[in-house]
Amino acid sequence: MEFLTDLVNNRIFMASVTGWLVAQVLKTLIYMWFNRKFVAERLVGSGGMPSSHSSTVCALVTATGFEYGGGSFPFAIAAIFAIIVMYDAMGVRRETGIQAKVLNEMMELFMHMGKEMSVEEKLKEFVGHTPLQVLMGALLGIIIAVLMYI
């Protein structure tokens, strides 16, 4: 029980979790606004606006900076981790989502041509993020951590 108490009292951890949670709720609301339907998967899924990965790691690095200072070892680790996560979200994961969309379109085309396909479900297209989605997630995470420390 002491572990859970320590975890809840860990401001760096709570800033990061709050960054993720707020981003996921916003992502769901934005999706609902534009598509006029609620999709529960958006509450935990990746991809979309804003990037919850960016929000989480930017809240982590900002809170770590407040707690230990910009010249500290924990800040350096958190900053490099944040850079890698955000780079990956815009790079490899985004390209994976684009490829999934193309493959899904090809599968649909083949099915309309009468070809038998052994695909059970479509590939997930919401995987990565645009630079704007990453930027908005990053700003959200920084704002959340700042608000938790003032």
Protein backbone atom coordinates (compact mmCIF):
# COMPACT_ATOMS: atom_id res chain seq x y z
CA MET A 1 0.00 0.00 0.00
CA GLU A 2 2.93 2.31 0.70
CA PHE A 3 4.05 1.86 -2.91
CA LEU A 4 0.72 3.15 -4.25
CA THR A 5 0.81 6.10 -1.86
CA ASP A 6 4.34 6.93 -2.97
CA LEU A 7 3.30 6.65 -6.62
CA VAL A 8 0.31 8.97 -6.21
CA ASN A 9 2.53 11.47 -4.35
CA ASN A 10 5.19 11.35 -7.08
CA ARG A 11 4.60 14.63 -8.91
CA ILE A 12 6.63 13.58 -11.95
CA PHE A 13 4.61 10.39 -12.35
CA MET A 14 1.30 12.17 -11.79
CA ALA A 15 2.16 14.93 -14.29
CA SER A 16 2.97 12.27 -16.90
CA VAL A 17 -0.19 10.26 -16.25
CA THR A 18 -2.29 13.43 -16.28
CA GLY A 19 -0.69 14.44 -19.59
CA TRP A 20 -1.64 11.09 -21.09
CA LEU A 21 -5.17 11.10 -19.65
CA VAL A 22 -6.01 14.66 -20.75
CA ALA A 23 -4.63 14.00 -24.25
CA GLN A 24 -6.67 10.79 -24.60
CA VAL A 25 -9.89 12.51 -23.49
CA LEU A 26 -9.23 15.45 -25.83
CA LYS A 27 -8.43 13.03 -28.67
CA THR A 28 -11.75 11.26 -28.11
CA LEU A 29 -13.71 14.53 -27.98
CA ILE A 30 -12.03 15.88 -31.12
CA TYR A 31 -12.72 12.63 -32.97
CA MET A 32 -16.34 12.77 -31.81
CA TRP A 33 -16.70 16.37 -32.95
CA PHE A 34 -15.42 15.71 -36.47
CA ASN A 35 -16.96 12.27 -37.02
CA ARG A 36 -20.20 12.73 -35.07
CA LYS A 37 -19.80 9.39 -33.30
CA PHE A 38 -18.23 8.07 -30.11
CA VAL A 39 -15.52 5.44 -30.59
CA ALA A 40 -14.34 4.02 -27.25
CA GLU A 41 -11.04 2.87 -28.78
CA ARG A 42 -10.01 6.53 -29.07
CA LEU A 43 -9.83 6.66 -25.25
CA VAL A 44 -6.84 4.30 -25.27
CA GLY A 45 -5.79 4.15 -28.94
CA SER A 46 -2.76 5.69 -30.55
CA GLY A 47 -2.73 8.24 -33.36
CA GLY A 48 -4.91 11.32 -33.66
CA MET A 49 -4.94 14.84 -32.26
CA PRO A 50 -3.28 15.57 -29.86
CA SER A 51 -0.48 13.04 -29.50
CA SER A 52 -0.80 11.45 -26.08
CA HIS A 53 2.72 10.05 -26.44
CA SER A 54 4.07 13.59 -26.84
CA SER A 55 1.89 14.91 -24.06
CA THR A 56 3.08 12.18 -21.68
CA VAL A 57 6.80 12.54 -22.38
CA CYS A 58 6.72 16.35 -22.41
CA ALA A 59 4.92 16.35 -19.06
CA LEU A 60 7.59 13.91 -17.85
CA VAL A 61 10.53 16.02 -19.02
CA THR A 62 8.98 19.29 -17.79
CA ALA A 63 8.19 17.88 -14.35
CA THR A 64 11.66 16.33 -14.17
CA GLY A 65 13.14 19.73 -15.00
CA PHE A 66 11.16 21.36 -12.21
CA GLU A 67 12.11 18.63 -9.75
CA TYR A 68 15.81 18.16 -10.55
CA GLY A 69 16.85 21.09 -12.77
CA GLY A 70 17.88 21.29 -16.41
CA GLY A 71 21.47 20.24 -15.72
CA SER A 72 20.58 17.03 -13.92
CA PHE A 73 21.05 13.44 -15.03
CA PRO A 74 17.30 12.59 -14.66
CA PHE A 75 16.41 15.59 -16.85
CA ALA A 76 18.89 14.51 -19.53
CA ILE A 77 17.43 10.99 -19.62
CA ALA A 78 13.85 12.31 -19.76
CA ALA A 79 14.72 14.81 -22.52
CA ILE A 80 16.42 12.21 -24.74
CA PHE A 81 13.54 9.80 -24.11
CA ALA A 82 11.02 12.50 -25.13
CA ILE A 83 12.94 13.30 -28.32
CA ILE A 84 13.06 9.63 -29.33
CA VAL A 85 9.35 9.08 -28.62
CA MET A 86 8.25 12.17 -30.56
CA TYR A 87 10.59 11.42 -33.47
CA ASP A 88 9.23 7.88 -33.65
CA ALA A 89 5.62 9.12 -33.54
CA MET A 90 6.21 11.36 -36.57
CA GLY A 91 8.47 8.92 -38.41
CA VAL A 92 8.16 5.17 -38.26
CA ARG A 93 4.72 5.02 -36.64
CA ARG A 94 3.27 7.62 -39.02
CA GLU A 95 4.62 5.74 -42.05
CA THR A 96 3.17 2.50 -40.66
CA GLY A 97 -0.26 4.13 -40.50
CA ILE A 98 0.03 5.40 -44.09
CA GLN A 99 1.06 1.93 -45.28
CA ALA A 100 -1.85 0.35 -43.39
CA LYS A 101 -4.27 2.70 -45.13
CA VAL A 102 -2.87 1.81 -48.56
CA LEU A 103 -3.00 -1.92 -47.79
CA ASN A 104 -6.59 -1.64 -46.52
CA GLU A 105 -7.59 0.13 -49.74
CA MET A 106 -5.87 -2.59 -51.81
CA MET A 107 -7.65 -5.34 -49.85
CA GLU A 108 -11.00 -3.66 -50.42
CA LEU A 109 -10.25 -3.32 -54.13
CA PHE A 110 -9.31 -7.01 -54.40
CA MET A 111 -12.47 -8.04 -52.55
CA HIS A 112 -14.61 -6.00 -54.98
CA MET A 113 -12.85 -7.78 -57.84
CA GLY A 114 -14.14 -11.08 -56.46
CA LYS A 115 -10.83 -12.28 -55.05
CA GLU A 116 -11.00 -14.39 -51.92
CA MET A 117 -9.00 -12.82 -49.12
CA SER A 118 -8.07 -14.38 -45.80
CA VAL A 119 -7.98 -11.10 -43.94
CA GLU A 120 -9.92 -11.15 -40.70
CA GLU A 121 -9.91 -7.42 -40.01
CA LYS A 122 -8.53 -4.22 -41.39
CA LEU A 123 -5.10 -3.01 -40.38
CA LYS A 124 -5.02 -0.19 -37.84
CA GLU A 125 -4.50 3.14 -39.61
CA PHE A 126 -4.34 5.39 -36.55
CA VAL A 127 -0.78 4.61 -35.51
CA GLY A 128 1.46 7.65 -35.86
CA HIS A 129 1.12 11.40 -35.80
CA THR A 130 1.54 14.43 -38.00
CA PRO A 131 4.03 17.06 -36.83
CA LEU A 132 1.09 19.27 -35.74
CA GLN A 133 -0.39 16.48 -33.60
CA VAL A 134 3.02 15.94 -31.96
CA LEU A 135 3.46 19.68 -31.37
CA MET A 136 -0.01 20.02 -29.80
CA GLY A 137 0.63 17.00 -27.58
CA ALA A 138 4.00 18.41 -26.54
CA LEU A 139 2.49 21.80 -25.64
CA LEU A 140 -0.33 20.10 -23.74
CA GLY A 141 2.13 18.04 -21.69
CA ILE A 142 4.29 21.06 -20.89
CA ILE A 143 1.24 23.10 -19.82
CA ILE A 144 -0.07 20.29 -17.61
CA ALA A 145 3.28 19.87 -15.84
CA VAL A 146 3.67 23.63 -15.35
CA LEU A 147 0.16 23.84 -13.89
CA MET A 148 0.95 20.98 -11.51
CA TYR A 149 4.09 22.75 -10.28
CA ILE A 150 2.76 26.29 -9.79
